[in-house]
Amino acid sequence: MSETAAVIRRFIDDELLDGPCDGDPLAEGRLDSLALEQLLAFIEDDLGVVLDDAEVTAEAFSAVKVVAALVDAKRASA
């Protein structure tokens, strides 16, 4: 797991869920729309990556590693 994925996963476990879960909470659909909004705010506020509306898709948020790859790609292009 990349460092970015680990940071995102830690946020999800600590702030959006009641603790760590087995598997990938995004892939398993464990986050509701409010939690996804909170995750997006975390990415923008804490990780410093602003996502365009077109980048916020079901595919882009289908798994923690996919979100982390998007965040890393945005950082690299900045």
PDB file of N, CA and C in Angstrom:
ATOM      1  N   MET A   1       0.844  -1.169   0.000  1.00  0.00           N
ATOM      2  CA  MET A   1       0.000   0.000   0.000  1.00  0.00           C
ATOM      3  C   MET A   1       0.899   1.245   0.000  1.00  0.00           C
ATOM      4  N   SER A   2       0.589   2.189  -0.866  1.00  0.00           N
ATOM      5  CA  SER A   2       1.375   3.420  -0.924  1.00  0.00           C
ATOM      6  C   SER A   2       1.144   4.260   0.330  1.00  0.00           C
ATOM      7  N   GLU A   3       2.030   5.210   0.555  1.00  0.00           N
ATOM      8  CA  GLU A   3       1.886   6.097   1.717  1.00  0.00           C
ATOM      9  C   GLU A   3       0.577   6.884   1.628  1.00  0.00           C
ATOM     10  N   THR A   4       0.251   7.369   0.436  1.00  0.00           N
ATOM     11  CA  THR A   4      -1.000   8.116   0.266  1.00  0.00           C
ATOM     12  C   THR A   4      -2.193   7.233   0.567  1.00  0.00           C
ATOM     13  N   ALA A   5      -2.179   6.007   0.088  1.00  0.00           N
ATOM     14  CA  ALA A   5      -3.276   5.077   0.363  1.00  0.00           C
ATOM     15  C   ALA A   5      -3.389   4.808   1.854  1.00  0.00           C
ATOM     16  N   ALA A   6      -2.258   4.686   2.530  1.00  0.00           N
ATOM     17  CA  ALA A   6      -2.278   4.434   3.972  1.00  0.00           C
ATOM     18  C   ALA A   6      -2.875   5.619   4.730  1.00  0.00           C
ATOM     19  N   VAL A   7      -2.551   6.836   4.318  1.00  0.00           N
ATOM     20  CA  VAL A   7      -3.100   8.033   4.962  1.00  0.00           C
ATOM     21  C   VAL A   7      -4.606   8.103   4.744  1.00  0.00           C
ATOM     22  N   ILE A   8      -5.047   7.842   3.531  1.00  0.00           N
ATOM     23  CA  ILE A   8      -6.479   7.860   3.219  1.00  0.00           C
ATOM     24  C   ILE A   8      -7.197   6.775   4.004  1.00  0.00           C
ATOM     25  N   ARG A   9      -6.632   5.596   4.029  1.00  0.00           N
ATOM     26  CA  ARG A   9      -7.241   4.481   4.755  1.00  0.00           C
ATOM     27  C   ARG A   9      -7.338   4.775   6.248  1.00  0.00           C
ATOM     28  N   ARG A  10      -6.300   5.366   6.803  1.00  0.00           N
ATOM     29  CA  ARG A  10      -6.303   5.724   8.227  1.00  0.00           C
ATOM     30  C   ARG A  10      -7.413   6.740   8.521  1.00  0.00           C
ATOM     31  N   PHE A  11      -7.590   7.721   7.637  1.00  0.00           N
ATOM     32  CA  PHE A  11      -8.659   8.697   7.809  1.00  0.00           C
ATOM     33  C   PHE A  11     -10.019   8.011   7.776  1.00  0.00           C
ATOM     34  N   ILE A  12     -10.208   7.137   6.807  1.00  0.00           N
ATOM     35  CA  ILE A  12     -11.495   6.430   6.698  1.00  0.00           C
ATOM     36  C   ILE A  12     -11.753   5.615   7.962  1.00  0.00           C
ATOM     37  N   ASP A  13     -10.779   4.848   8.391  1.00  0.00           N
ATOM     38  CA  ASP A  13     -10.947   4.005   9.581  1.00  0.00           C
ATOM     39  C   ASP A  13     -11.203   4.833  10.832  1.00  0.00           C
ATOM     40  N   ASP A  14     -10.421   5.903  11.013  1.00  0.00           N
ATOM     41  CA  ASP A  14     -10.491   6.679  12.248  1.00  0.00           C
ATOM     42  C   ASP A  14     -11.657   7.656  12.295  1.00  0.00           C
ATOM     43  N   GLU A  15     -11.989   8.254  11.167  1.00  0.00           N
ATOM     44  CA  GLU A  15     -12.972   9.334  11.165  1.00  0.00           C
ATOM     45  C   GLU A  15     -14.326   8.960  10.576  1.00  0.00           C
ATOM     46  N   LEU A  16     -14.352   8.018   9.642  1.00  0.00           N
ATOM     47  CA  LEU A  16     -15.603   7.740   8.948  1.00  0.00           C
ATOM     48  C   LEU A  16     -16.242   6.417   9.348  1.00  0.00           C
ATOM     49  N   LEU A  17     -15.437   5.507   9.879  1.00  0.00           N
ATOM     50  CA  LEU A  17     -15.949   4.215  10.326  1.00  0.00           C
ATOM     51  C   LEU A  17     -15.725   4.090  11.829  1.00  0.00           C
ATOM     52  N   ASP A  18     -16.232   3.063  12.402  1.00  0.00           N
ATOM     53  CA  ASP A  18     -16.062   2.836  13.843  1.00  0.00           C
ATOM     54  C   ASP A  18     -14.752   2.145  14.171  1.00  0.00           C
ATOM     55  N   GLY A  19     -13.825   2.137  13.269  1.00  0.00           N
ATOM     56  CA  GLY A  19     -12.545   1.483  13.463  1.00  0.00           C
ATOM     57  C   GLY A  19     -12.158   0.734  12.210  1.00  0.00           C
ATOM     58  N   PRO A  20     -11.023   0.085  12.248  1.00  0.00           N
ATOM     59  CA  PRO A  20     -10.537  -0.634  11.065  1.00  0.00           C
ATOM     60  C   PRO A  20     -11.490  -1.752  10.645  1.00  0.00           C
ATOM     61  N   CYS A  21     -11.538  -1.960   9.350  1.00  0.00           N
ATOM     62  CA  CYS A  21     -12.344  -3.055   8.831  1.00  0.00           C
ATOM     63  C   CYS A  21     -11.474  -3.891   7.898  1.00  0.00           C
ATOM     64  N   ASP A  22     -11.873  -5.112   7.714  1.00  0.00           N
ATOM     65  CA  ASP A  22     -11.181  -5.968   6.749  1.00  0.00           C
ATOM     66  C   ASP A  22     -11.594  -5.515   5.352  1.00  0.00           C
ATOM     67  N   GLY A  23     -10.716  -5.654   4.416  1.00  0.00           N
ATOM     68  CA  GLY A  23     -11.052  -5.301   3.043  1.00  0.00           C
ATOM     69  C   GLY A  23     -10.970  -3.805   2.794  1.00  0.00           C
ATOM     70  N   ASP A  24     -11.473  -3.394   1.661  1.00  0.00           N
ATOM     71  CA  ASP A  24     -11.444  -2.002   1.227  1.00  0.00           C
ATOM     72  C   ASP A  24     -12.822  -1.390   1.432  1.00  0.00           C
ATOM     73  N   PRO A  25     -12.945  -0.401   2.328  1.00  0.00           N
ATOM     74  CA  PRO A  25     -14.258   0.165   2.618  1.00  0.00           C
ATOM     75  C   PRO A  25     -14.917   0.835   1.417  1.00  0.00           C
ATOM     76  N   LEU A  26     -14.128   1.371   0.495  1.00  0.00           N
ATOM     77  CA  LEU A  26     -14.721   1.973  -0.696  1.00  0.00           C
ATOM     78  C   LEU A  26     -15.247   0.899  -1.640  1.00  0.00           C
ATOM     79  N   ALA A  27     -14.428  -0.104  -1.884  1.00  0.00           N
ATOM     80  CA  ALA A  27     -14.836  -1.186  -2.783  1.00  0.00           C
ATOM     81  C   ALA A  27     -16.045  -1.937  -2.246  1.00  0.00           C
ATOM     82  N   GLU A  28     -16.160  -1.997  -0.920  1.00  0.00           N
ATOM     83  CA  GLU A  28     -17.271  -2.704  -0.289  1.00  0.00           C
ATOM     84  C   GLU A  28     -18.503  -1.826  -0.104  1.00  0.00           C
ATOM     85  N   GLY A  29     -18.419  -0.564  -0.489  1.00  0.00           N
ATOM     86  CA  GLY A  29     -19.560   0.332  -0.385  1.00  0.00           C
ATOM     87  C   GLY A  29     -19.943   0.696   1.036  1.00  0.00           C
ATOM     88  N   ARG A  30     -18.963   0.753   1.937  1.00  0.00           N
ATOM     89  CA  ARG A  30     -19.240   1.033   3.355  1.00  0.00           C
ATOM     90  C   ARG A  30     -19.463   2.509   3.653  1.00  0.00           C
ATOM     91  N   LEU A  31     -19.149   3.396   2.709  1.00  0.00           N
ATOM     92  CA  LEU A  31     -19.296   4.824   2.957  1.00  0.00           C
ATOM     93  C   LEU A  31     -20.551   5.363   2.279  1.00  0.00           C
ATOM     94  N   ASP A  32     -21.333   6.121   3.032  1.00  0.00           N
ATOM     95  CA  ASP A  32     -22.502   6.752   2.447  1.00  0.00           C
ATOM     96  C   ASP A  32     -22.098   8.068   1.787  1.00  0.00           C
ATOM     97  N   SER A  33     -23.053   8.778   1.229  1.00  0.00           N
ATOM     98  CA  SER A  33     -22.729   9.996   0.487  1.00  0.00           C
ATOM     99  C   SER A  33     -22.110  11.066   1.387  1.00  0.00           C
ATOM    100  N   LEU A  34     -22.567  11.183   2.619  1.00  0.00           N
ATOM    101  CA  LEU A  34     -21.986  12.160   3.543  1.00  0.00           C
ATOM    102  C   LEU A  34     -20.523  11.811   3.840  1.00  0.00           C
ATOM    103  N   ALA A  35     -20.234  10.545   4.070  1.00  0.00           N
ATOM    104  CA  ALA A  35     -18.858  10.112   4.329  1.00  0.00           C
ATOM    105  C   ALA A  35     -17.977  10.369   3.107  1.00  0.00           C
ATOM    106  N   LEU A  36     -18.511  10.172   1.924  1.00  0.00           N
ATOM    107  CA  LEU A  36     -17.728  10.440   0.716  1.00  0.00           C
ATOM    108  C   LEU A  36     -17.420  11.931   0.595  1.00  0.00           C
ATOM    109  N   GLU A  37     -18.378  12.774   0.975  1.00  0.00           N
ATOM    110  CA  GLU A  37     -18.135  14.221   0.977  1.00  0.00           C
ATOM    111  C   GLU A  37     -17.045  14.585   1.987  1.00  0.00           C
ATOM    112  N   GLN A  38     -17.071  13.917   3.141  1.00  0.00           N
ATOM    113  CA  GLN A  38     -16.043  14.159   4.153  1.00  0.00           C
ATOM    114  C   GLN A  38     -14.671  13.702   3.652  1.00  0.00           C
ATOM    115  N   LEU A  39     -14.640  12.594   2.946  1.00  0.00           N
ATOM    116  CA  LEU A  39     -13.386  12.113   2.362  1.00  0.00           C
ATOM    117  C   LEU A  39     -12.870  13.108   1.333  1.00  0.00           C
ATOM    118  N   LEU A  40     -13.745  13.620   0.517  1.00  0.00           N
ATOM    119  CA  LEU A  40     -13.349  14.617  -0.483  1.00  0.00           C
ATOM    120  C   LEU A  40     -12.801  15.872   0.197  1.00  0.00           C
ATOM    121  N   ALA A  41     -13.442  16.319   1.263  1.00  0.00           N
ATOM    122  CA  ALA A  41     -12.957  17.483   2.005  1.00  0.00           C
ATOM    123  C   ALA A  41     -11.578  17.203   2.609  1.00  0.00           C
ATOM    124  N   PHE A  42     -11.366  15.996   3.127  1.00  0.00           N
ATOM    125  CA  PHE A  42     -10.066  15.609   3.672  1.00  0.00           C
ATOM    126  C   PHE A  42      -8.995  15.669   2.587  1.00  0.00           C
ATOM    127  N   ILE A  43      -9.305  15.148   1.422  1.00  0.00           N
ATOM    128  CA  ILE A  43      -8.339  15.150   0.315  1.00  0.00           C
ATOM    129  C   ILE A  43      -7.963  16.582  -0.042  1.00  0.00           C
ATOM    130  N   GLU A  44      -8.958  17.457  -0.093  1.00  0.00           N
ATOM    131  CA  GLU A  44      -8.685  18.840  -0.461  1.00  0.00           C
ATOM    132  C   GLU A  44      -8.000  19.609   0.665  1.00  0.00           C
ATOM    133  N   ASP A  45      -8.514  19.500   1.885  1.00  0.00           N
ATOM    134  CA  ASP A  45      -8.005  20.309   3.002  1.00  0.00           C
ATOM    135  C   ASP A  45      -6.700  19.776   3.582  1.00  0.00           C
ATOM    136  N   ASP A  46      -6.623  18.481   3.805  1.00  0.00           N
ATOM    137  CA  ASP A  46      -5.459  17.913   4.488  1.00  0.00           C
ATOM    138  C   ASP A  46      -4.360  17.442   3.533  1.00  0.00           C
ATOM    139  N   LEU A  47      -4.758  16.929   2.386  1.00  0.00           N
ATOM    140  CA  LEU A  47      -3.762  16.450   1.435  1.00  0.00           C
ATOM    141  C   LEU A  47      -3.402  17.508   0.400  1.00  0.00           C
ATOM    142  N   GLY A  48      -4.162  18.604   0.360  1.00  0.00           N
ATOM    143  CA  GLY A  48      -3.843  19.718  -0.516  1.00  0.00           C
ATOM    144  C   GLY A  48      -4.071  19.465  -1.987  1.00  0.00           C
ATOM    145  N   VAL A  49      -5.007  18.579  -2.303  1.00  0.00           N
ATOM    146  CA  VAL A  49      -5.289  18.251  -3.698  1.00  0.00           C
ATOM    147  C   VAL A  49      -6.735  18.625  -3.993  1.00  0.00           C
ATOM    148  N   VAL A  50      -6.923  19.513  -4.962  1.00  0.00           N
ATOM    149  CA  VAL A  50      -8.264  19.917  -5.364  1.00  0.00           C
ATOM    150  C   VAL A  50      -8.653  19.103  -6.591  1.00  0.00           C
ATOM    151  N   LEU A  51      -9.769  18.420  -6.469  1.00  0.00           N
ATOM    152  CA  LEU A  51     -10.258  17.602  -7.578  1.00  0.00           C
ATOM    153  C   LEU A  51     -11.324  18.368  -8.343  1.00  0.00           C
ATOM    154  N   ASP A  52     -11.256  18.314  -9.656  1.00  0.00           N
ATOM    155  CA  ASP A  52     -12.288  18.900 -10.491  1.00  0.00           C
ATOM    156  C   ASP A  52     -13.551  18.053 -10.381  1.00  0.00           C
ATOM    157  N   ASP A  53     -14.699  18.671 -10.630  1.00  0.00           N
ATOM    158  CA  ASP A  53     -15.960  17.932 -10.572  1.00  0.00           C
ATOM    159  C   ASP A  53     -15.935  16.703 -11.479  1.00  0.00           C
ATOM    160  N   ALA A  54     -15.306  16.821 -12.629  1.00  0.00           N
ATOM    161  CA  ALA A  54     -15.242  15.703 -13.581  1.00  0.00           C
ATOM    162  C   ALA A  54     -14.414  14.543 -13.054  1.00  0.00           C
ATOM    163  N   GLU A  55     -13.533  14.814 -12.083  1.00  0.00           N
ATOM    164  CA  GLU A  55     -12.684  13.763 -11.516  1.00  0.00           C
ATOM    165  C   GLU A  55     -13.362  13.012 -10.369  1.00  0.00           C
ATOM    166  N   VAL A  56     -14.430  13.565  -9.860  1.00  0.00           N
ATOM    167  CA  VAL A  56     -15.136  12.946  -8.736  1.00  0.00           C
ATOM    168  C   VAL A  56     -16.220  12.040  -9.314  1.00  0.00           C
ATOM    169  N   THR A  57     -15.805  10.808  -9.604  1.00  0.00           N
ATOM    170  CA  THR A  57     -16.700   9.831 -10.207  1.00  0.00           C
ATOM    171  C   THR A  57     -16.732   8.563  -9.367  1.00  0.00           C
ATOM    172  N   ALA A  58     -17.712   7.726  -9.642  1.00  0.00           N
ATOM    173  CA  ALA A  58     -17.791   6.438  -8.946  1.00  0.00           C
ATOM    174  C   ALA A  58     -16.543   5.611  -9.215  1.00  0.00           C
ATOM    175  N   GLU A  59     -16.021   5.679 -10.425  1.00  0.00           N
ATOM    176  CA  GLU A  59     -14.819   4.925 -10.768  1.00  0.00           C
ATOM    177  C   GLU A  59     -13.608   5.443 -10.003  1.00  0.00           C
ATOM    178  N   ALA A  60     -13.494   6.765  -9.872  1.00  0.00           N
ATOM    179  CA  ALA A  60     -12.347   7.356  -9.185  1.00  0.00           C
ATOM    180  C   ALA A  60     -12.352   7.044  -7.694  1.00  0.00           C
ATOM    181  N   PHE A  61     -13.534   6.773  -7.134  1.00  0.00           N
ATOM    182  CA  PHE A  61     -13.660   6.469  -5.710  1.00  0.00           C
ATOM    183  C   PHE A  61     -14.088   5.022  -5.489  1.00  0.00           C
ATOM    184  N   SER A  62     -13.674   4.148  -6.393  1.00  0.00           N
ATOM    185  CA  SER A  62     -14.072   2.741  -6.319  1.00  0.00           C
ATOM    186  C   SER A  62     -13.240   1.921  -5.353  1.00  0.00           C
ATOM    187  N   ALA A  63     -12.054   2.427  -4.979  1.00  0.00           N
ATOM    188  CA  ALA A  63     -11.168   1.721  -4.050  1.00  0.00           C
ATOM    189  C   ALA A  63     -10.159   2.720  -3.502  1.00  0.00           C
ATOM    190  N   VAL A  64      -9.649   2.438  -2.329  1.00  0.00           N
ATOM    191  CA  VAL A  64      -8.667   3.330  -1.702  1.00  0.00           C
ATOM    192  C   VAL A  64      -7.456   3.513  -2.609  1.00  0.00           C
ATOM    193  N   LYS A  65      -6.966   2.433  -3.209  1.00  0.00           N
ATOM    194  CA  LYS A  65      -5.773   2.556  -4.054  1.00  0.00           C
ATOM    195  C   LYS A  65      -6.044   3.407  -5.298  1.00  0.00           C
ATOM    196  N   VAL A  66      -7.275   3.407  -5.781  1.00  0.00           N
ATOM    197  CA  VAL A  66      -7.631   4.221  -6.946  1.00  0.00           C
ATOM    198  C   VAL A  66      -7.648   5.700  -6.563  1.00  0.00           C
ATOM    199  N   VAL A  67      -8.221   6.015  -5.409  1.00  0.00           N
ATOM    200  CA  VAL A  67      -8.229   7.392  -4.917  1.00  0.00           C
ATOM    201  C   VAL A  67      -6.790   7.859  -4.688  1.00  0.00           C
ATOM    202  N   ALA A  68      -5.980   7.021  -4.068  1.00  0.00           N
ATOM    203  CA  ALA A  68      -4.584   7.371  -3.795  1.00  0.00           C
ATOM    204  C   ALA A  68      -3.826   7.630  -5.097  1.00  0.00           C
ATOM    205  N   ALA A  69      -4.066   6.839  -6.112  1.00  0.00           N
ATOM    206  CA  ALA A  69      -3.397   7.039  -7.399  1.00  0.00           C
ATOM    207  C   ALA A  69      -3.814   8.376  -8.015  1.00  0.00           C
ATOM    208  N   LEU A  70      -5.088   8.732  -7.890  1.00  0.00           N
ATOM    209  CA  LEU A  70      -5.568  10.013  -8.400  1.00  0.00           C
ATOM    210  C   LEU A  70      -4.898  11.165  -7.650  1.00  0.00           C
ATOM    211  N   VAL A  71      -4.839  11.064  -6.331  1.00  0.00           N
ATOM    212  CA  VAL A  71      -4.198  12.101  -5.507  1.00  0.00           C
ATOM    213  C   VAL A  71      -2.722  12.230  -5.885  1.00  0.00           C
ATOM    214  N   ASP A  72      -2.032  11.117  -6.001  1.00  0.00           N
ATOM    215  CA  ASP A  72      -0.610  11.147  -6.369  1.00  0.00           C
ATOM    216  C   ASP A  72      -0.402  11.745  -7.768  1.00  0.00           C
ATOM    217  N   ALA A  73      -1.286  11.418  -8.698  1.00  0.00           N
ATOM    218  CA  ALA A  73      -1.163  11.947 -10.058  1.00  0.00           C
ATOM    219  C   ALA A  73      -1.383  13.460 -10.059  1.00  0.00           C
ATOM    220  N   LYS A  74      -2.355  13.926  -9.284  1.00  0.00           N
ATOM    221  CA  LYS A  74      -2.610  15.371  -9.208  1.00  0.00           C
ATOM    222  C   LYS A  74      -1.422  16.094  -8.568  1.00  0.00           C
ATOM    223  N   ARG A  75      -0.830  15.489  -7.548  1.00  0.00           N
ATOM    224  CA  ARG A  75       0.349  16.090  -6.910  1.00  0.00           C
ATOM    225  C   ARG A  75       1.517  16.166  -7.886  1.00  0.00           C
ATOM    226  N   ALA A  76       1.706  15.116  -8.653  1.00  0.00           N
ATOM    227  CA  ALA A  76       2.825  15.064  -9.600  1.00  0.00           C
ATOM    228  C   ALA A  76       2.668  16.103 -10.722  1.00  0.00           C
ATOM    229  N   SER A  77       1.422  16.383 -11.093  1.00  0.00           N
ATOM    230  CA  SER A  77       1.196  17.336 -12.189  1.00  0.00           C
ATOM    231  C   SER A  77       1.157  18.785 -11.716  1.00  0.00           C
ATOM    232  N   ALA A  78       1.173  18.976 -10.406  1.00  0.00           N
ATOM    233  CA  ALA A  78       1.096  20.358  -9.866  1.00  0.00           C
ATOM    234  C   ALA A  78       2.425  21.062  -9.934  1.00  0.00           C
TER     235      ALA A  78
END
